[in-house]
C-alpha atoms as a PDB file:
ATOM      1  CA  UNK A   1      -1.571  54.118  16.267  1.00  0.00           C
ATOM      2  CA  UNK A   2      -3.251  57.046  17.727  1.00  0.00           C
ATOM      3  CA  UNK A   3      -6.690  55.424  17.177  1.00  0.00           C
ATOM      4  CA  UNK A   4      -5.458  52.168  18.951  1.00  0.00           C
ATOM      5  CA  UNK A   5      -4.219  54.129  21.816  1.00  0.00           C
ATOM      6  CA  UNK A   6      -7.754  55.789  22.158  1.00  0.00           C
ATOM      7  CA  UNK A   7      -9.663  52.460  21.990  1.00  0.00           C
ATOM      8  CA  UNK A   8      -7.242  50.961  24.546  1.00  0.00           C
ATOM      9  CA  UNK A   9      -8.203  53.656  27.148  1.00  0.00           C
ATOM     10  CA  UNK A  10     -10.560  52.657  29.993  1.00  0.00           C
ATOM     11  CA  UNK A  11     -12.955  55.477  30.245  1.00  0.00           C
ATOM     12  CA  UNK A  12     -14.149  55.033  33.880  1.00  0.00           C
ATOM     13  CA  UNK A  13     -10.860  54.286  35.538  1.00  0.00           C
ATOM     14  CA  UNK A  14      -8.842  56.588  33.273  1.00  0.00           C
ATOM     15  CA  UNK A  15      -6.185  53.718  32.874  1.00  0.00           C
ATOM     16  CA  UNK A  16      -5.516  51.351  29.888  1.00  0.00           C
ATOM     17  CA  UNK A  17      -6.795  47.845  29.063  1.00  0.00           C
ATOM     18  CA  UNK A  18      -3.355  46.663  28.102  1.00  0.00           C
ATOM     19  CA  UNK A  19       0.087  48.062  29.019  1.00  0.00           C
ATOM     20  CA  UNK A  20       2.365  49.183  26.169  1.00  0.00           C
ATOM     21  CA  UNK A  21       4.315  45.694  26.208  1.00  0.00           C
ATOM     22  CA  UNK A  22       1.100  43.749  25.875  1.00  0.00           C
ATOM     23  CA  UNK A  23      -0.235  45.953  23.280  1.00  0.00           C
ATOM     24  CA  UNK A  24       3.019  45.763  21.122  1.00  0.00           C
ATOM     25  CA  UNK A  25       2.817  41.893  21.693  1.00  0.00           C
ATOM     26  CA  UNK A  26      -0.760  41.692  20.343  1.00  0.00           C
ATOM     27  CA  UNK A  27       0.012  44.056  17.434  1.00  0.00           C
ATOM     28  CA  UNK A  28       3.103  42.070  16.425  1.00  0.00           C
ATOM     29  CA  UNK A  29       1.156  38.859  16.479  1.00  0.00           C
ATOM     30  CA  UNK A  30      -1.813  40.409  14.550  1.00  0.00           C
ATOM     31  CA  UNK A  31       0.615  41.710  11.980  1.00  0.00           C
ATOM     32  CA  UNK A  32       2.109  38.324  11.304  1.00  0.00           C
ATOM     33  CA  UNK A  33      -1.449  36.799  10.756  1.00  0.00           C
ATOM     34  CA  UNK A  34      -2.456  39.489   8.607  1.00  0.00           C
ATOM     35  CA  UNK A  35       0.713  39.223   6.478  1.00  0.00           C
ATOM     36  CA  UNK A  36       0.252  35.480   5.896  1.00  0.00           C
ATOM     37  CA  UNK A  37      -3.404  35.914   5.030  1.00  0.00           C
ATOM     38  CA  UNK A  38      -2.623  38.564   2.523  1.00  0.00           C
ATOM     39  CA  UNK A  39       0.125  36.429   0.941  1.00  0.00           C
ATOM     40  CA  UNK A  40      -2.192  33.537   0.785  1.00  0.00           C
ATOM     41  CA  UNK A  41      -4.919  35.553  -0.889  1.00  0.00           C
ATOM     42  CA  UNK A  42      -2.259  36.980  -3.398  1.00  0.00           C
ATOM     43  CA  UNK A  43      -1.131  33.525  -4.194  1.00  0.00           C
ATOM     44  CA  UNK A  44      -4.740  32.222  -4.698  1.00  0.00           C
ATOM     45  CA  UNK A  45      -5.724  35.236  -6.786  1.00  0.00           C
ATOM     46  CA  UNK A  46      -2.520  34.817  -9.055  1.00  0.00           C
ATOM     47  CA  UNK A  47      -3.334  30.966  -9.415  1.00  0.00           C
ATOM     48  CA  UNK A  48      -6.802  31.775 -10.663  1.00  0.00           C
ATOM     49  CA  UNK A  49      -5.664  34.317 -12.937  1.00  0.00           C
ATOM     50  CA  UNK A  50      -3.043  32.016 -14.400  1.00  0.00           C
ATOM     51  CA  UNK A  51      -5.557  29.265 -14.727  1.00  0.00           C
ATOM     52  CA  UNK A  52      -7.934  31.582 -16.585  1.00  0.00           C
ATOM     53  CA  UNK A  53      -5.176  32.502 -18.983  1.00  0.00           C
ATOM     54  CA  UNK A  54      -4.039  29.127 -19.829  1.00  0.00           C
ATOM     55  CA  UNK A  55      -7.565  27.977 -20.364  1.00  0.00           C
ATOM     56  CA  UNK A  56      -8.188  31.118 -22.768  1.00  0.00           C
ATOM     57  CA  UNK A  57      -4.878  30.310 -24.636  1.00  0.00           C
ATOM     58  CA  UNK A  58      -5.884  26.679 -25.112  1.00  0.00           C
ATOM     59  CA  UNK A  59      -9.132  27.738 -26.556  1.00  0.00           C
ATOM     60  CA  UNK A  60      -7.561  30.171 -28.913  1.00  0.00           C
ATOM     61  CA  UNK A  61      -4.882  27.550 -29.940  1.00  0.00           C
ATOM     62  CA  UNK A  62      -7.638  24.981 -30.709  1.00  0.00           C
ATOM     63  CA  UNK A  63      -9.209  27.254 -33.130  1.00  0.00           C
ATOM     64  CA  UNK A  64      -6.038  28.003 -35.092  1.00  0.00           C
END
């Protein structure tokens, strides 16, 4: 959070680009988007891993 506050500072006017309420709102929205993307990525990776395991099991079963 400290880094975000540093980036939010206007250097020339010694103010801030966003006030605290605006900053919190943007962070909450960004968090929701990041959470959804991470969940989708985890789902896709799990699906590919399962597909690979099923294909490997099918190959092993067909030899036996």
